[in-house]
Amino acid sequence: MRDIPDHPVIQNCERTGYPDGKDPVYPICPVCGCASDTFYKDKYGDIFGCDECVTTVDAWEATSDERN
C-alpha cells in the first residue's frame, strides 16, 4: 500500500496550528506597544490608545475635584 502524504495545509496545521504555517500578526497599539483587539480613536481618526493603556472613569467623579 502506498503512503500518500497529507495536503500541505493539513501538514502545516498539524505542525504549527495555522494553515499557512506562520503565526498570525496581531495589531499592536502605537501608544503602549501591547497587542490588542480594540483601539480607541479620537474624532480626527487618530489612535490614542487601546484597552491596555486607556481607562474609563465616571465623569461626575472625575470633575468633582475641579468644582470644589
PDB file of N, CA and C in Angstrom:
ATOM      1  N   MET A   1       0.838  -1.176   0.000  1.00  0.00           N
ATOM      2  CA  MET A   1       0.000   0.000   0.000  1.00  0.00           C
ATOM      3  C   MET A   1       0.887   1.245   0.000  1.00  0.00           C
ATOM      4  N   ARG A   2       0.501   2.236  -0.801  1.00  0.00           N
ATOM      5  CA  ARG A   2       1.285   3.467  -0.896  1.00  0.00           C
ATOM      6  C   ARG A   2       0.930   4.439   0.226  1.00  0.00           C
ATOM      7  N   ASP A   3       1.937   5.118   0.711  1.00  0.00           N
ATOM      8  CA  ASP A   3       1.741   6.142   1.725  1.00  0.00           C
ATOM      9  C   ASP A   3       1.542   7.482   1.019  1.00  0.00           C
ATOM     10  N   ILE A   4       0.325   8.016   1.067  1.00  0.00           N
ATOM     11  CA  ILE A   4       0.018   9.296   0.423  1.00  0.00           C
ATOM     12  C   ILE A   4       0.123  10.390   1.484  1.00  0.00           C
ATOM     13  N   PRO A   5       0.998  11.386   1.265  1.00  0.00           N
ATOM     14  CA  PRO A   5       1.152  12.445   2.267  1.00  0.00           C
ATOM     15  C   PRO A   5      -0.079  13.348   2.327  1.00  0.00           C
ATOM     16  N   ASP A   6      -0.281  13.948   3.477  1.00  0.00           N
ATOM     17  CA  ASP A   6      -1.385  14.893   3.645  1.00  0.00           C
ATOM     18  C   ASP A   6      -1.140  16.136   2.796  1.00  0.00           C
ATOM     19  N   HIS A   7      -2.206  16.837   2.534  1.00  0.00           N
ATOM     20  CA  HIS A   7      -2.138  18.122   1.831  1.00  0.00           C
ATOM     21  C   HIS A   7      -1.259  19.064   2.657  1.00  0.00           C
ATOM     22  N   PRO A   8      -0.502  19.983   2.015  1.00  0.00           N
ATOM     23  CA  PRO A   8       0.374  20.903   2.762  1.00  0.00           C
ATOM     24  C   PRO A   8      -0.345  21.724   3.833  1.00  0.00           C
ATOM     25  N   VAL A   9      -1.594  22.104   3.582  1.00  0.00           N
ATOM     26  CA  VAL A   9      -2.340  22.868   4.592  1.00  0.00           C
ATOM     27  C   VAL A   9      -2.564  22.017   5.828  1.00  0.00           C
ATOM     28  N   ILE A  10      -2.887  20.762   5.638  1.00  0.00           N
ATOM     29  CA  ILE A  10      -3.088  19.850   6.770  1.00  0.00           C
ATOM     30  C   ILE A  10      -1.772  19.635   7.505  1.00  0.00           C
ATOM     31  N   GLN A  11      -0.678  19.475   6.779  1.00  0.00           N
ATOM     32  CA  GLN A  11       0.637  19.317   7.415  1.00  0.00           C
ATOM     33  C   GLN A  11       0.984  20.551   8.246  1.00  0.00           C
ATOM     34  N   ASN A  12       0.745  21.747   7.690  1.00  0.00           N
ATOM     35  CA  ASN A  12       1.025  22.988   8.426  1.00  0.00           C
ATOM     36  C   ASN A  12       0.176  23.085   9.685  1.00  0.00           C
ATOM     37  N   CYS A  13      -1.112  22.760   9.577  1.00  0.00           N
ATOM     38  CA  CYS A  13      -1.999  22.818  10.744  1.00  0.00           C
ATOM     39  C   CYS A  13      -1.540  21.854  11.831  1.00  0.00           C
ATOM     40  N   GLU A  14      -1.122  20.668  11.431  1.00  0.00           N
ATOM     41  CA  GLU A  14      -0.643  19.697  12.412  1.00  0.00           C
ATOM     42  C   GLU A  14       0.659  20.154  13.069  1.00  0.00           C
ATOM     43  N   ARG A  15       1.518  20.794  12.291  1.00  0.00           N
ATOM     44  CA  ARG A  15       2.826  21.205  12.783  1.00  0.00           C
ATOM     45  C   ARG A  15       2.761  22.493  13.616  1.00  0.00           C
ATOM     46  N   THR A  16       2.019  23.503  13.119  1.00  0.00           N
ATOM     47  CA  THR A  16       2.040  24.815  13.761  1.00  0.00           C
ATOM     48  C   THR A  16       0.706  25.268  14.324  1.00  0.00           C
ATOM     49  N   GLY A  17      -0.387  24.681  13.837  1.00  0.00           N
ATOM     50  CA  GLY A  17      -1.716  25.114  14.256  1.00  0.00           C
ATOM     51  C   GLY A  17      -2.335  26.130  13.317  1.00  0.00           C
ATOM     52  N   TYR A  18      -1.585  26.557  12.305  1.00  0.00           N
ATOM     53  CA  TYR A  18      -2.084  27.553  11.352  1.00  0.00           C
ATOM     54  C   TYR A  18      -1.959  27.019   9.934  1.00  0.00           C
ATOM     55  N   PRO A  19      -2.952  27.318   9.069  1.00  0.00           N
ATOM     56  CA  PRO A  19      -2.936  26.774   7.709  1.00  0.00           C
ATOM     57  C   PRO A  19      -1.711  27.153   6.883  1.00  0.00           C
ATOM     58  N   ASP A  20      -1.212  28.374   7.068  1.00  0.00           N
ATOM     59  CA  ASP A  20      -0.049  28.785   6.273  1.00  0.00           C
ATOM     60  C   ASP A  20       1.275  28.473   6.972  1.00  0.00           C
ATOM     61  N   GLY A  21       1.204  27.950   8.191  1.00  0.00           N
ATOM     62  CA  GLY A  21       2.411  27.582   8.925  1.00  0.00           C
ATOM     63  C   GLY A  21       3.082  28.730   9.648  1.00  0.00           C
ATOM     64  N   LYS A  22       2.483  29.926   9.605  1.00  0.00           N
ATOM     65  CA  LYS A  22       3.067  31.107  10.248  1.00  0.00           C
ATOM     66  C   LYS A  22       2.129  31.614  11.338  1.00  0.00           C
ATOM     67  N   ASP A  23       2.706  32.129  12.428  1.00  0.00           N
ATOM     68  CA  ASP A  23       1.897  32.755  13.466  1.00  0.00           C
ATOM     69  C   ASP A  23       1.234  34.005  12.899  1.00  0.00           C
ATOM     70  N   PRO A  24      -0.021  34.278  13.292  1.00  0.00           N
ATOM     71  CA  PRO A  24      -0.684  35.482  12.805  1.00  0.00           C
ATOM     72  C   PRO A  24      -0.026  36.741  13.384  1.00  0.00           C
ATOM     73  N   VAL A  25      -0.113  37.821  12.653  1.00  0.00           N
ATOM     74  CA  VAL A  25       0.413  39.112  13.107  1.00  0.00           C
ATOM     75  C   VAL A  25      -0.727  39.842  13.804  1.00  0.00           C
ATOM     76  N   TYR A  26      -0.559  40.121  15.087  1.00  0.00           N
ATOM     77  CA  TYR A  26      -1.591  40.784  15.866  1.00  0.00           C
ATOM     78  C   TYR A  26      -1.406  42.294  15.802  1.00  0.00           C
ATOM     79  N   PRO A  27      -2.516  43.054  15.865  1.00  0.00           N
ATOM     80  CA  PRO A  27      -2.408  44.514  15.886  1.00  0.00           C
ATOM     81  C   PRO A  27      -1.700  44.975  17.161  1.00  0.00           C
ATOM     82  N   ILE A  28      -0.772  45.904  17.022  1.00  0.00           N
ATOM     83  CA  ILE A  28      -0.004  46.437  18.149  1.00  0.00           C
ATOM     84  C   ILE A  28      -0.403  47.896  18.363  1.00  0.00           C
ATOM     85  N   CYS A  29      -0.675  48.252  19.601  1.00  0.00           N
ATOM     86  CA  CYS A  29      -1.041  49.630  19.941  1.00  0.00           C
ATOM     87  C   CYS A  29       0.160  50.544  19.710  1.00  0.00           C
ATOM     88  N   PRO A  30      -0.013  51.632  18.951  1.00  0.00           N
ATOM     89  CA  PRO A  30       1.103  52.550  18.708  1.00  0.00           C
ATOM     90  C   PRO A  30       1.476  53.380  19.934  1.00  0.00           C
ATOM     91  N   VAL A  31       0.617  53.394  20.954  1.00  0.00           N
ATOM     92  CA  VAL A  31       0.896  54.188  22.152  1.00  0.00           C
ATOM     93  C   VAL A  31       1.690  53.390  23.178  1.00  0.00           C
ATOM     94  N   CYS A  32       1.204  52.176  23.522  1.00  0.00           N
ATOM     95  CA  CYS A  32       1.850  51.410  24.588  1.00  0.00           C
ATOM     96  C   CYS A  32       2.602  50.174  24.092  1.00  0.00           C
ATOM     97  N   GLY A  33       2.360  49.755  22.844  1.00  0.00           N
ATOM     98  CA  GLY A  33       3.073  48.611  22.290  1.00  0.00           C
ATOM     99  C   GLY A  33       2.471  47.260  22.620  1.00  0.00           C
ATOM    100  N   CYS A  34       1.310  47.219  23.272  1.00  0.00           N
ATOM    101  CA  CYS A  34       0.654  45.952  23.604  1.00  0.00           C
ATOM    102  C   CYS A  34      -0.171  45.451  22.424  1.00  0.00           C
ATOM    103  N   ALA A  35      -0.290  44.134  22.310  1.00  0.00           N
ATOM    104  CA  ALA A  35      -1.194  43.555  21.328  1.00  0.00           C
ATOM    105  C   ALA A  35      -2.612  43.743  21.836  1.00  0.00           C
ATOM    106  N   SER A  36      -3.513  44.187  20.972  1.00  0.00           N
ATOM    107  CA  SER A  36      -4.875  44.468  21.405  1.00  0.00           C
ATOM    108  C   SER A  36      -5.863  44.221  20.286  1.00  0.00           C
ATOM    109  N   ASP A  37      -7.102  43.893  20.679  1.00  0.00           N
ATOM    110  CA  ASP A  37      -8.177  43.716  19.719  1.00  0.00           C
ATOM    111  C   ASP A  37      -8.942  45.013  19.480  1.00  0.00           C
ATOM    112  N   THR A  38      -8.800  45.971  20.386  1.00  0.00           N
ATOM    113  CA  THR A  38      -9.567  47.209  20.303  1.00  0.00           C
ATOM    114  C   THR A  38      -8.655  48.418  20.433  1.00  0.00           C
ATOM    115  N   PHE A  39      -8.757  49.319  19.466  1.00  0.00           N
ATOM    116  CA  PHE A  39      -8.076  50.611  19.527  1.00  0.00           C
ATOM    117  C   PHE A  39      -9.128  51.694  19.698  1.00  0.00           C
ATOM    118  N   TYR A  40      -8.750  52.781  20.344  1.00  0.00           N
ATOM    119  CA  TYR A  40      -9.639  53.926  20.503  1.00  0.00           C
ATOM    120  C   TYR A  40      -9.114  55.066  19.654  1.00  0.00           C
ATOM    121  N   LYS A  41     -10.035  55.693  18.898  1.00  0.00           N
ATOM    122  CA  LYS A  41      -9.671  56.795  18.022  1.00  0.00           C
ATOM    123  C   LYS A  41     -10.366  58.066  18.481  1.00  0.00           C
ATOM    124  N   ASP A  42      -9.721  59.207  18.238  1.00  0.00           N
ATOM    125  CA  ASP A  42     -10.359  60.479  18.519  1.00  0.00           C
ATOM    126  C   ASP A  42     -11.219  60.889  17.329  1.00  0.00           C
ATOM    127  N   LYS A  43     -11.828  62.062  17.404  1.00  0.00           N
ATOM    128  CA  LYS A  43     -12.751  62.473  16.342  1.00  0.00           C
ATOM    129  C   LYS A  43     -12.054  62.749  15.013  1.00  0.00           C
ATOM    130  N   TYR A  44     -10.722  62.839  15.030  1.00  0.00           N
ATOM    131  CA  TYR A  44      -9.965  63.058  13.798  1.00  0.00           C
ATOM    132  C   TYR A  44      -9.482  61.747  13.178  1.00  0.00           C
ATOM    133  N   GLY A  45      -9.771  60.616  13.840  1.00  0.00           N
ATOM    134  CA  GLY A  45      -9.384  59.312  13.324  1.00  0.00           C
ATOM    135  C   GLY A  45      -8.017  58.843  13.785  1.00  0.00           C
ATOM    136  N   ASP A  46      -7.383  59.589  14.689  1.00  0.00           N
ATOM    137  CA  ASP A  46      -6.071  59.206  15.212  1.00  0.00           C
ATOM    138  C   ASP A  46      -6.245  58.255  16.396  1.00  0.00           C
ATOM    139  N   ILE A  47      -5.455  57.192  16.428  1.00  0.00           N
ATOM    140  CA  ILE A  47      -5.492  56.242  17.541  1.00  0.00           C
ATOM    141  C   ILE A  47      -4.818  56.885  18.752  1.00  0.00           C
ATOM    142  N   PHE A  48      -5.522  56.865  19.893  1.00  0.00           N
ATOM    143  CA  PHE A  48      -4.932  57.428  21.112  1.00  0.00           C
ATOM    144  C   PHE A  48      -4.733  56.399  22.207  1.00  0.00           C
ATOM    145  N   GLY A  49      -5.033  55.123  21.930  1.00  0.00           N
ATOM    146  CA  GLY A  49      -4.787  54.096  22.927  1.00  0.00           C
ATOM    147  C   GLY A  49      -5.554  52.820  22.639  1.00  0.00           C
ATOM    148  N   CYS A  50      -5.457  51.874  23.591  1.00  0.00           N
ATOM    149  CA  CYS A  50      -6.120  50.578  23.472  1.00  0.00           C
ATOM    150  C   CYS A  50      -6.708  50.197  24.825  1.00  0.00           C
ATOM    151  N   ASP A  51      -7.230  48.981  24.914  1.00  0.00           N
ATOM    152  CA  ASP A  51      -7.812  48.507  26.178  1.00  0.00           C
ATOM    153  C   ASP A  51      -6.793  48.474  27.309  1.00  0.00           C
ATOM    154  N   GLU A  52      -5.538  48.307  26.979  1.00  0.00           N
ATOM    155  CA  GLU A  52      -4.494  48.192  27.992  1.00  0.00           C
ATOM    156  C   GLU A  52      -4.066  49.552  28.559  1.00  0.00           C
ATOM    157  N   CYS A  53      -4.058  50.602  27.728  1.00  0.00           N
ATOM    158  CA  CYS A  53      -3.496  51.871  28.195  1.00  0.00           C
ATOM    159  C   CYS A  53      -4.530  52.979  28.386  1.00  0.00           C
ATOM    160  N   VAL A  54      -5.803  52.728  28.076  1.00  0.00           N
ATOM    161  CA  VAL A  54      -6.863  53.710  28.287  1.00  0.00           C
ATOM    162  C   VAL A  54      -7.791  53.164  29.359  1.00  0.00           C
ATOM    163  N   THR A  55      -8.121  54.008  30.319  1.00  0.00           N
ATOM    164  CA  THR A  55      -9.057  53.612  31.362  1.00  0.00           C
ATOM    165  C   THR A  55     -10.274  54.515  31.302  1.00  0.00           C
ATOM    166  N   THR A  56     -11.380  54.009  31.793  1.00  0.00           N
ATOM    167  CA  THR A  56     -12.587  54.809  31.866  1.00  0.00           C
ATOM    168  C   THR A  56     -12.817  55.221  33.312  1.00  0.00           C
ATOM    169  N   VAL A  57     -13.351  56.398  33.479  1.00  0.00           N
ATOM    170  CA  VAL A  57     -13.690  56.907  34.809  1.00  0.00           C
ATOM    171  C   VAL A  57     -15.078  57.518  34.741  1.00  0.00           C
ATOM    172  N   ASP A  58     -15.727  57.598  35.869  1.00  0.00           N
ATOM    173  CA  ASP A  58     -17.018  58.242  35.953  1.00  0.00           C
ATOM    174  C   ASP A  58     -16.829  59.747  35.777  1.00  0.00           C
ATOM    175  N   ALA A  59     -17.556  60.343  34.863  1.00  0.00           N
ATOM    176  CA  ALA A  59     -17.391  61.770  34.561  1.00  0.00           C
ATOM    177  C   ALA A  59     -17.721  62.649  35.764  1.00  0.00           C
ATOM    178  N   TRP A  60     -18.716  62.242  36.553  1.00  0.00           N
ATOM    179  CA  TRP A  60     -19.083  63.034  37.721  1.00  0.00           C
ATOM    180  C   TRP A  60     -17.979  63.015  38.777  1.00  0.00           C
ATOM    181  N   GLU A  61     -17.376  61.854  38.963  1.00  0.00           N
ATOM    182  CA  GLU A  61     -16.297  61.759  39.942  1.00  0.00           C
ATOM    183  C   GLU A  61     -15.032  62.468  39.450  1.00  0.00           C
ATOM    184  N   ALA A  62     -14.740  62.378  38.169  1.00  0.00           N
ATOM    185  CA  ALA A  62     -13.532  62.986  37.625  1.00  0.00           C
ATOM    186  C   ALA A  62     -13.595  64.505  37.668  1.00  0.00           C
ATOM    187  N   THR A  63     -14.805  65.075  37.538  1.00  0.00           N
ATOM    188  CA  THR A  63     -14.924  66.532  37.541  1.00  0.00           C
ATOM    189  C   THR A  63     -15.297  67.093  38.894  1.00  0.00           C
ATOM    190  N   SER A  64     -15.570  66.239  39.876  1.00  0.00           N
ATOM    191  CA  SER A  64     -15.957  66.743  41.206  1.00  0.00           C
ATOM    192  C   SER A  64     -14.809  67.494  41.870  1.00  0.00           C
ATOM    193  N   ASP A  65     -13.553  67.103  41.606  1.00  0.00           N
ATOM    194  CA  ASP A  65     -12.403  67.802  42.179  1.00  0.00           C
ATOM    195  C   ASP A  65     -12.248  69.192  41.577  1.00  0.00           C
ATOM    196  N   GLU A  66     -12.625  69.371  40.334  1.00  0.00           N
ATOM    197  CA  GLU A  66     -12.497  70.667  39.677  1.00  0.00           C
ATOM    198  C   GLU A  66     -13.530  71.657  40.166  1.00  0.00           C
ATOM    199  N   ARG A  67     -14.700  71.171  40.589  1.00  0.00           N
ATOM    200  CA  ARG A  67     -15.782  72.050  41.038  1.00  0.00           C
ATOM    201  C   ARG A  67     -15.585  72.513  42.473  1.00  0.00           C
ATOM    202  N   ASN A  68     -14.803  71.810  43.235  1.00  0.00           N
ATOM    203  CA  ASN A  68     -14.604  72.184  44.653  1.00  0.00           C
ATOM    204  C   ASN A  68     -13.464  73.127  44.822  1.00  0.00           C
TER     205      ASN A  68
END
